[in-house]
Amino acid sequence: VRAHIVFSSRTIALWLITFATIDRWFLSNI
């Protein structure tokens, strides 16, 4: 259970920041 939570939460955290970066690109697009 600990291994699953650690690995999945790390993936979620990094990809949420990645989606925020993409969202900034959408918002700044002409």
PDB file of all heavy atoms in Angstrom:
ATOM      1  N   VAL A   1       0.839  -1.204   0.000  1.00  0.00           N
ATOM      2  CA  VAL A   1       0.000   0.000   0.000  1.00  0.00           C
ATOM      3  C   VAL A   1       0.875   1.256   0.000  1.00  0.00           C
ATOM      4  O   VAL A   1       0.618   2.211  -0.733  1.00  0.00           O
ATOM      5  CB  VAL A   1      -0.949  -0.004   1.211  1.00  0.00           C
ATOM      6  CG1 VAL A   1      -1.656   1.345   1.354  1.00  0.00           C
ATOM      7  CG2 VAL A   1      -1.974  -1.124   1.083  1.00  0.00           C
ATOM      8  N   ARG A   2       1.922   1.245   0.832  1.00  0.00           N
ATOM      9  CA  ARG A   2       2.813   2.399   0.902  1.00  0.00           C
ATOM     10  C   ARG A   2       3.506   2.641  -0.436  1.00  0.00           C
ATOM     11  O   ARG A   2       3.594   3.786  -0.908  1.00  0.00           O
ATOM     12  CB  ARG A   2       3.867   2.192   1.987  1.00  0.00           C
ATOM     13  CG  ARG A   2       4.867   3.335   2.088  1.00  0.00           C
ATOM     14  CD  ARG A   2       5.968   3.022   3.094  1.00  0.00           C
ATOM     15  NE  ARG A   2       6.934   4.104   3.195  1.00  0.00           N
ATOM     16  CZ  ARG A   2       7.959   4.288   2.368  1.00  0.00           C
ATOM     17  NH1 ARG A   2       8.146   3.439   1.366  1.00  0.00           N
ATOM     18  NH2 ARG A   2       8.792   5.293   2.519  1.00  0.00           N
ATOM     19  N   ALA A   3       3.997   1.570  -1.074  1.00  0.00           N
ATOM     20  CA  ALA A   3       4.671   1.711  -2.365  1.00  0.00           C
ATOM     21  C   ALA A   3       3.724   2.290  -3.413  1.00  0.00           C
ATOM     22  O   ALA A   3       4.105   3.174  -4.192  1.00  0.00           O
ATOM     23  CB  ALA A   3       5.219   0.365  -2.820  1.00  0.00           C
ATOM     24  N   HIS A   4       2.496   1.819  -3.420  1.00  0.00           N
ATOM     25  CA  HIS A   4       1.528   2.311  -4.403  1.00  0.00           C
ATOM     26  C   HIS A   4       1.213   3.779  -4.169  1.00  0.00           C
ATOM     27  O   HIS A   4       1.163   4.580  -5.119  1.00  0.00           O
ATOM     28  CB  HIS A   4       0.241   1.482  -4.328  1.00  0.00           C
ATOM     29  CG  HIS A   4      -0.784   1.902  -5.330  1.00  0.00           C
ATOM     30  ND1 HIS A   4      -1.793   2.808  -5.036  1.00  0.00           N
ATOM     31  CD2 HIS A   4      -0.957   1.564  -6.633  1.00  0.00           C
ATOM     32  CE1 HIS A   4      -2.536   2.990  -6.099  1.00  0.00           C
ATOM     33  NE2 HIS A   4      -2.055   2.258  -7.087  1.00  0.00           N
ATOM     34  N   ILE A   5       1.019   4.171  -2.914  1.00  0.00           N
ATOM     35  CA  ILE A   5       0.700   5.564  -2.612  1.00  0.00           C
ATOM     36  C   ILE A   5       1.872   6.478  -2.957  1.00  0.00           C
ATOM     37  O   ILE A   5       1.692   7.549  -3.558  1.00  0.00           O
ATOM     38  CB  ILE A   5       0.324   5.712  -1.122  1.00  0.00           C
ATOM     39  CG1 ILE A   5      -1.006   5.011  -0.846  1.00  0.00           C
ATOM     40  CG2 ILE A   5       0.231   7.183  -0.731  1.00  0.00           C
ATOM     41  CD1 ILE A   5      -1.400   4.992   0.618  1.00  0.00           C
ATOM     42  N   VAL A   6       3.094   6.053  -2.600  1.00  0.00           N
ATOM     43  CA  VAL A   6       4.270   6.892  -2.850  1.00  0.00           C
ATOM     44  C   VAL A   6       4.476   7.120  -4.344  1.00  0.00           C
ATOM     45  O   VAL A   6       4.633   8.262  -4.804  1.00  0.00           O
ATOM     46  CB  VAL A   6       5.521   6.244  -2.221  1.00  0.00           C
ATOM     47  CG1 VAL A   6       6.783   6.935  -2.736  1.00  0.00           C
ATOM     48  CG2 VAL A   6       5.468   6.333  -0.706  1.00  0.00           C
ATOM     49  N   PHE A   7       4.461   6.049  -5.133  1.00  0.00           N
ATOM     50  CA  PHE A   7       4.750   6.180  -6.565  1.00  0.00           C
ATOM     51  C   PHE A   7       3.617   6.899  -7.297  1.00  0.00           C
ATOM     52  O   PHE A   7       3.879   7.761  -8.159  1.00  0.00           O
ATOM     53  CB  PHE A   7       4.989   4.800  -7.179  1.00  0.00           C
ATOM     54  CG  PHE A   7       6.376   4.272  -6.953  1.00  0.00           C
ATOM     55  CD1 PHE A   7       6.688   3.569  -5.799  1.00  0.00           C
ATOM     56  CD2 PHE A   7       7.381   4.476  -7.891  1.00  0.00           C
ATOM     57  CE1 PHE A   7       7.969   3.084  -5.582  1.00  0.00           C
ATOM     58  CE2 PHE A   7       8.663   4.005  -7.678  1.00  0.00           C
ATOM     59  CZ  PHE A   7       8.962   3.293  -6.520  1.00  0.00           C
ATOM     60  N   SER A   8       2.384   6.570  -6.997  1.00  0.00           N
ATOM     61  CA  SER A   8       1.256   7.201  -7.698  1.00  0.00           C
ATOM     62  C   SER A   8       1.138   8.680  -7.328  1.00  0.00           C
ATOM     63  O   SER A   8       0.874   9.528  -8.197  1.00  0.00           O
ATOM     64  CB  SER A   8      -0.049   6.467  -7.390  1.00  0.00           C
ATOM     65  OG  SER A   8      -0.324   6.466  -6.001  1.00  0.00           O
ATOM     66  N   SER A   9       1.354   9.025  -6.051  1.00  0.00           N
ATOM     67  CA  SER A   9       1.243  10.429  -5.648  1.00  0.00           C
ATOM     68  C   SER A   9       2.362  11.277  -6.255  1.00  0.00           C
ATOM     69  O   SER A   9       2.145  12.436  -6.605  1.00  0.00           O
ATOM     70  CB  SER A   9       1.253  10.543  -4.123  1.00  0.00           C
ATOM     71  OG  SER A   9       2.460  10.040  -3.592  1.00  0.00           O
ATOM     72  N   ARG A  10       3.565  10.702  -6.375  1.00  0.00           N
ATOM     73  CA  ARG A  10       4.650  11.436  -7.030  1.00  0.00           C
ATOM     74  C   ARG A  10       4.310  11.723  -8.485  1.00  0.00           C
ATOM     75  O   ARG A  10       4.559  12.822  -8.994  1.00  0.00           O
ATOM     76  CB  ARG A  10       5.943  10.627  -6.948  1.00  0.00           C
ATOM     77  CG  ARG A  10       6.594  10.607  -5.576  1.00  0.00           C
ATOM     78  CD  ARG A  10       7.754   9.643  -5.536  1.00  0.00           C
ATOM     79  NE  ARG A  10       8.435   9.656  -4.238  1.00  0.00           N
ATOM     80  CZ  ARG A  10       9.394   8.805  -3.903  1.00  0.00           C
ATOM     81  NH1 ARG A  10       9.784   7.866  -4.749  1.00  0.00           N
ATOM     82  NH2 ARG A  10       9.976   8.883  -2.710  1.00  0.00           N
ATOM     83  N   THR A  11       3.745  10.743  -9.163  1.00  0.00           N
ATOM     84  CA  THR A  11       3.356  10.924 -10.558  1.00  0.00           C
ATOM     85  C   THR A  11       2.276  11.990 -10.685  1.00  0.00           C
ATOM     86  O   THR A  11       2.345  12.869 -11.556  1.00  0.00           O
ATOM     87  CB  THR A  11       2.854   9.594 -11.147  1.00  0.00           C
ATOM     88  OG1 THR A  11       3.845   8.584 -10.961  1.00  0.00           O
ATOM     89  CG2 THR A  11       2.564   9.738 -12.636  1.00  0.00           C
ATOM     90  N   ILE A  12       1.282  11.927  -9.810  1.00  0.00           N
ATOM     91  CA  ILE A  12       0.194  12.910  -9.839  1.00  0.00           C
ATOM     92  C   ILE A  12       0.739  14.317  -9.611  1.00  0.00           C
ATOM     93  O   ILE A  12       0.390  15.259 -10.328  1.00  0.00           O
ATOM     94  CB  ILE A  12      -0.863  12.561  -8.772  1.00  0.00           C
ATOM     95  CG1 ILE A  12      -1.574  11.261  -9.142  1.00  0.00           C
ATOM     96  CG2 ILE A  12      -1.889  13.691  -8.642  1.00  0.00           C
ATOM     97  CD1 ILE A  12      -2.450  10.709  -8.036  1.00  0.00           C
ATOM     98  N   ALA A  13       1.621  14.471  -8.618  1.00  0.00           N
ATOM     99  CA  ALA A  13       2.139  15.798  -8.275  1.00  0.00           C
ATOM    100  C   ALA A  13       2.892  16.432  -9.438  1.00  0.00           C
ATOM    101  O   ALA A  13       2.658  17.604  -9.790  1.00  0.00           O
ATOM    102  CB  ALA A  13       3.046  15.693  -7.046  1.00  0.00           C
ATOM    103  N   LEU A  14       3.794  15.677 -10.064  1.00  0.00           N
ATOM    104  CA  LEU A  14       4.587  16.239 -11.165  1.00  0.00           C
ATOM    105  C   LEU A  14       3.732  16.543 -12.386  1.00  0.00           C
ATOM    106  O   LEU A  14       3.915  17.566 -13.055  1.00  0.00           O
ATOM    107  CB  LEU A  14       5.719  15.281 -11.532  1.00  0.00           C
ATOM    108  CG  LEU A  14       6.990  15.394 -10.681  1.00  0.00           C
ATOM    109  CD1 LEU A  14       8.009  14.344 -11.100  1.00  0.00           C
ATOM    110  CD2 LEU A  14       7.611  16.780 -10.806  1.00  0.00           C
ATOM    111  N   TRP A  15       2.791  15.661 -12.699  1.00  0.00           N
ATOM    112  CA  TRP A  15       1.962  15.886 -13.880  1.00  0.00           C
ATOM    113  C   TRP A  15       0.959  17.016 -13.669  1.00  0.00           C
ATOM    114  O   TRP A  15       0.583  17.698 -14.638  1.00  0.00           O
ATOM    115  CB  TRP A  15       1.252  14.597 -14.290  1.00  0.00           C
ATOM    116  CG  TRP A  15       2.114  13.736 -15.159  1.00  0.00           C
ATOM    117  CD1 TRP A  15       2.774  12.594 -14.816  1.00  0.00           C
ATOM    118  CD2 TRP A  15       2.424  13.962 -16.541  1.00  0.00           C
ATOM    119  NE1 TRP A  15       3.482  12.099 -15.879  1.00  0.00           N
ATOM    120  CE2 TRP A  15       3.285  12.907 -16.957  1.00  0.00           C
ATOM    121  CE3 TRP A  15       2.071  14.939 -17.462  1.00  0.00           C
ATOM    122  CZ2 TRP A  15       3.783  12.823 -18.257  1.00  0.00           C
ATOM    123  CZ3 TRP A  15       2.569  14.857 -18.761  1.00  0.00           C
ATOM    124  CH2 TRP A  15       3.412  13.799 -19.142  1.00  0.00           C
ATOM    125  N   LEU A  16       0.513  17.259 -12.439  1.00  0.00           N
ATOM    126  CA  LEU A  16      -0.360  18.406 -12.193  1.00  0.00           C
ATOM    127  C   LEU A  16       0.388  19.712 -12.446  1.00  0.00           C
ATOM    128  O   LEU A  16      -0.170  20.661 -13.003  1.00  0.00           O
ATOM    129  CB  LEU A  16      -0.897  18.364 -10.761  1.00  0.00           C
ATOM    130  CG  LEU A  16      -1.989  17.328 -10.478  1.00  0.00           C
ATOM    131  CD1 LEU A  16      -2.409  17.382  -9.018  1.00  0.00           C
ATOM    132  CD2 LEU A  16      -3.192  17.530 -11.381  1.00  0.00           C
ATOM    133  N   ILE A  17       1.656  19.765 -12.030  1.00  0.00           N
ATOM    134  CA  ILE A  17       2.476  20.944 -12.327  1.00  0.00           C
ATOM    135  C   ILE A  17       2.691  21.070 -13.831  1.00  0.00           C
ATOM    136  O   ILE A  17       2.701  22.177 -14.385  1.00  0.00           O
ATOM    137  CB  ILE A  17       3.814  20.854 -11.583  1.00  0.00           C
ATOM    138  CG1 ILE A  17       3.580  20.829 -10.073  1.00  0.00           C
ATOM    139  CG2 ILE A  17       4.715  22.033 -11.941  1.00  0.00           C
ATOM    140  CD1 ILE A  17       4.822  20.543  -9.268  1.00  0.00           C
ATOM    141  N   THR A  18       2.851  19.928 -14.501  1.00  0.00           N
ATOM    142  CA  THR A  18       3.004  19.942 -15.960  1.00  0.00           C
ATOM    143  C   THR A  18       1.762  20.506 -16.635  1.00  0.00           C
ATOM    144  O   THR A  18       1.856  21.339 -17.551  1.00  0.00           O
ATOM    145  CB  THR A  18       3.267  18.521 -16.473  1.00  0.00           C
ATOM    146  OG1 THR A  18       4.427  17.986 -15.830  1.00  0.00           O
ATOM    147  CG2 THR A  18       3.488  18.520 -17.980  1.00  0.00           C
ATOM    148  N   PHE A  19       0.588  20.077 -16.182  1.00  0.00           N
ATOM    149  CA  PHE A  19      -0.658  20.606 -16.747  1.00  0.00           C
ATOM    150  C   PHE A  19      -0.807  22.095 -16.456  1.00  0.00           C
ATOM    151  O   PHE A  19      -1.370  22.838 -17.270  1.00  0.00           O
ATOM    152  CB  PHE A  19      -1.864  19.839 -16.187  1.00  0.00           C
ATOM    153  CG  PHE A  19      -1.991  18.435 -16.723  1.00  0.00           C
ATOM    154  CD1 PHE A  19      -2.420  17.401 -15.911  1.00  0.00           C
ATOM    155  CD2 PHE A  19      -1.669  18.149 -18.041  1.00  0.00           C
ATOM    156  CE1 PHE A  19      -2.538  16.105 -16.404  1.00  0.00           C
ATOM    157  CE2 PHE A  19      -1.779  16.867 -18.544  1.00  0.00           C
ATOM    158  CZ  PHE A  19      -2.213  15.837 -17.724  1.00  0.00           C
ATOM    159  N   ALA A  20      -0.303  22.536 -15.302  1.00  0.00           N
ATOM    160  CA  ALA A  20      -0.327  23.976 -15.001  1.00  0.00           C
ATOM    161  C   ALA A  20       0.541  24.749 -15.991  1.00  0.00           C
ATOM    162  O   ALA A  20       0.194  25.856 -16.411  1.00  0.00           O
ATOM    163  CB  ALA A  20       0.151  24.214 -13.571  1.00  0.00           C
ATOM    164  N   THR A  21       1.679  24.158 -16.371  1.00  0.00           N
ATOM    165  CA  THR A  21       2.552  24.788 -17.370  1.00  0.00           C
ATOM    166  C   THR A  21       1.844  24.889 -18.716  1.00  0.00           C
ATOM    167  O   THR A  21       1.927  25.922 -19.401  1.00  0.00           O
ATOM    168  CB  THR A  21       3.845  23.969 -17.530  1.00  0.00           C
ATOM    169  OG1 THR A  21       4.412  23.720 -16.253  1.00  0.00           O
ATOM    170  CG2 THR A  21       4.853  24.715 -18.391  1.00  0.00           C
ATOM    171  N   ILE A  22       1.158  23.817 -19.100  1.00  0.00           N
ATOM    172  CA  ILE A  22       0.402  23.842 -20.360  1.00  0.00           C
ATOM    173  C   ILE A  22      -0.723  24.873 -20.293  1.00  0.00           C
ATOM    174  O   ILE A  22      -0.996  25.589 -21.263  1.00  0.00           O
ATOM    175  CB  ILE A  22      -0.159  22.435 -20.666  1.00  0.00           C
ATOM    176  CG1 ILE A  22       0.986  21.433 -20.848  1.00  0.00           C
ATOM    177  CG2 ILE A  22      -1.041  22.454 -21.908  1.00  0.00           C
ATOM    178  CD1 ILE A  22       0.540  19.995 -20.997  1.00  0.00           C
ATOM    179  N   ASP A  23      -1.378  24.958 -19.134  1.00  0.00           N
ATOM    180  CA  ASP A  23      -2.454  25.933 -18.959  1.00  0.00           C
ATOM    181  C   ASP A  23      -1.933  27.365 -19.100  1.00  0.00           C
ATOM    182  O   ASP A  23      -2.590  28.223 -19.702  1.00  0.00           O
ATOM    183  CB  ASP A  23      -3.097  25.743 -17.586  1.00  0.00           C
ATOM    184  CG  ASP A  23      -4.220  26.731 -17.338  1.00  0.00           C
ATOM    185  OD1 ASP A  23      -5.303  26.554 -17.924  1.00  0.00           O
ATOM    186  OD2 ASP A  23      -4.009  27.690 -16.568  1.00  0.00           O
ATOM    187  N   ARG A  24      -0.724  27.628 -18.559  1.00  0.00           N
ATOM    188  CA  ARG A  24      -0.113  28.951 -18.719  1.00  0.00           C
ATOM    189  C   ARG A  24       0.150  29.255 -20.194  1.00  0.00           C
ATOM    190  O   ARG A  24       0.025  30.395 -20.630  1.00  0.00           O
ATOM    191  CB  ARG A  24       1.197  29.028 -17.950  1.00  0.00           C
ATOM    192  CG  ARG A  24       1.077  29.025 -16.458  1.00  0.00           C
ATOM    193  CD  ARG A  24       0.588  30.351 -15.914  1.00  0.00           C
ATOM    194  NE  ARG A  24      -0.852  30.364 -15.708  1.00  0.00           N
ATOM    195  CZ  ARG A  24      -1.551  31.431 -15.441  1.00  0.00           C
ATOM    196  NH1 ARG A  24      -0.966  32.595 -15.349  1.00  0.00           N
ATOM    197  NH2 ARG A  24      -2.852  31.354 -15.261  1.00  0.00           N
ATOM    198  N   TRP A  25       0.511  28.216 -20.948  1.00  0.00           N
ATOM    199  CA  TRP A  25       0.758  28.413 -22.388  1.00  0.00           C
ATOM    200  C   TRP A  25      -0.548  28.750 -23.099  1.00  0.00           C
ATOM    201  O   TRP A  25      -0.590  29.655 -23.936  1.00  0.00           O
ATOM    202  CB  TRP A  25       1.374  27.154 -22.976  1.00  0.00           C
ATOM    203  CG  TRP A  25       1.550  27.236 -24.470  1.00  0.00           C
ATOM    204  CD1 TRP A  25       2.448  28.003 -25.153  1.00  0.00           C
ATOM    205  CD2 TRP A  25       0.792  26.533 -25.468  1.00  0.00           C
ATOM    206  NE1 TRP A  25       2.298  27.822 -26.520  1.00  0.00           N
ATOM    207  CE2 TRP A  25       1.295  26.920 -26.736  1.00  0.00           C
ATOM    208  CE3 TRP A  25      -0.246  25.618 -25.404  1.00  0.00           C
ATOM    209  CZ2 TRP A  25       0.771  26.424 -27.922  1.00  0.00           C
ATOM    210  CZ3 TRP A  25      -0.762  25.112 -26.592  1.00  0.00           C
ATOM    211  CH2 TRP A  25      -0.255  25.528 -27.835  1.00  0.00           C
ATOM    212  N   PHE A  26      -1.621  28.025 -22.765  1.00  0.00           N
ATOM    213  CA  PHE A  26      -2.929  28.340 -23.349  1.00  0.00           C
ATOM    214  C   PHE A  26      -3.334  29.775 -23.019  1.00  0.00           C
ATOM    215  O   PHE A  26      -3.785  30.526 -23.889  1.00  0.00           O
ATOM    216  CB  PHE A  26      -4.002  27.380 -22.823  1.00  0.00           C
ATOM    217  CG  PHE A  26      -3.992  26.026 -23.484  1.00  0.00           C
ATOM    218  CD1 PHE A  26      -4.152  24.868 -22.739  1.00  0.00           C
ATOM    219  CD2 PHE A  26      -3.837  25.901 -24.857  1.00  0.00           C
ATOM    220  CE1 PHE A  26      -4.148  23.621 -23.346  1.00  0.00           C
ATOM    221  CE2 PHE A  26      -3.829  24.660 -25.475  1.00  0.00           C
ATOM    222  CZ  PHE A  26      -3.986  23.518 -24.715  1.00  0.00           C
ATOM    223  N   LEU A  27      -3.179  30.158 -21.764  1.00  0.00           N
ATOM    224  CA  LEU A  27      -3.649  31.462 -21.307  1.00  0.00           C
ATOM    225  C   LEU A  27      -2.849  32.615 -21.913  1.00  0.00           C
ATOM    226  O   LEU A  27      -3.389  33.703 -22.106  1.00  0.00           O
ATOM    227  CB  LEU A  27      -3.565  31.528 -19.775  1.00  0.00           C
ATOM    228  CG  LEU A  27      -4.324  32.668 -19.096  1.00  0.00           C
ATOM    229  CD1 LEU A  27      -5.807  32.600 -19.423  1.00  0.00           C
ATOM    230  CD2 LEU A  27      -4.116  32.607 -17.595  1.00  0.00           C
ATOM    231  N   SER A  28      -1.564  32.373 -22.222  1.00  0.00           N
ATOM    232  CA  SER A  28      -0.724  33.436 -22.788  1.00  0.00           C
ATOM    233  C   SER A  28      -0.709  33.434 -24.313  1.00  0.00           C
ATOM    234  O   SER A  28      -0.012  34.256 -24.912  1.00  0.00           O
ATOM    235  CB  SER A  28       0.714  33.290 -22.272  1.00  0.00           C
ATOM    236  OG  SER A  28       1.274  32.047 -22.706  1.00  0.00           O
ATOM    237  N   ASN A  29      -1.453  32.514 -24.930  1.00  0.00           N
ATOM    238  CA  ASN A  29      -1.427  32.389 -26.381  1.00  0.00           C
ATOM    239  C   ASN A  29      -2.179  33.541 -27.045  1.00  0.00           C
ATOM    240  O   ASN A  29      -3.206  34.003 -26.538  1.00  0.00           O
ATOM    241  CB  ASN A  29      -2.046  31.048 -26.793  1.00  0.00           C
ATOM    242  CG  ASN A  29      -1.521  30.556 -28.125  1.00  0.00           C
ATOM    243  OD1 ASN A  29      -1.818  31.120 -29.162  1.00  0.00           O
ATOM    244  ND2 ASN A  29      -0.717  29.509 -28.079  1.00  0.00           N
ATOM    245  N   ILE A  30      -1.671  33.997 -28.187  1.00  0.00           N
ATOM    246  CA  ILE A  30      -2.330  35.091 -28.905  1.00  0.00           C
ATOM    247  C   ILE A  30      -3.556  34.592 -29.663  1.00  0.00           C
ATOM    248  O   ILE A  30      -4.387  35.392 -30.084  1.00  0.00           O
ATOM    249  CB  ILE A  30      -1.345  35.777 -29.881  1.00  0.00           C
ATOM    250  CG1 ILE A  30      -0.826  34.773 -30.915  1.00  0.00           C
ATOM    251  CG2 ILE A  30      -0.212  36.432 -29.138  1.00  0.00           C
ATOM    252  CD1 ILE A  30       0.053  35.407 -31.975  1.00  0.00           C
TER     253      ILE A  30
END
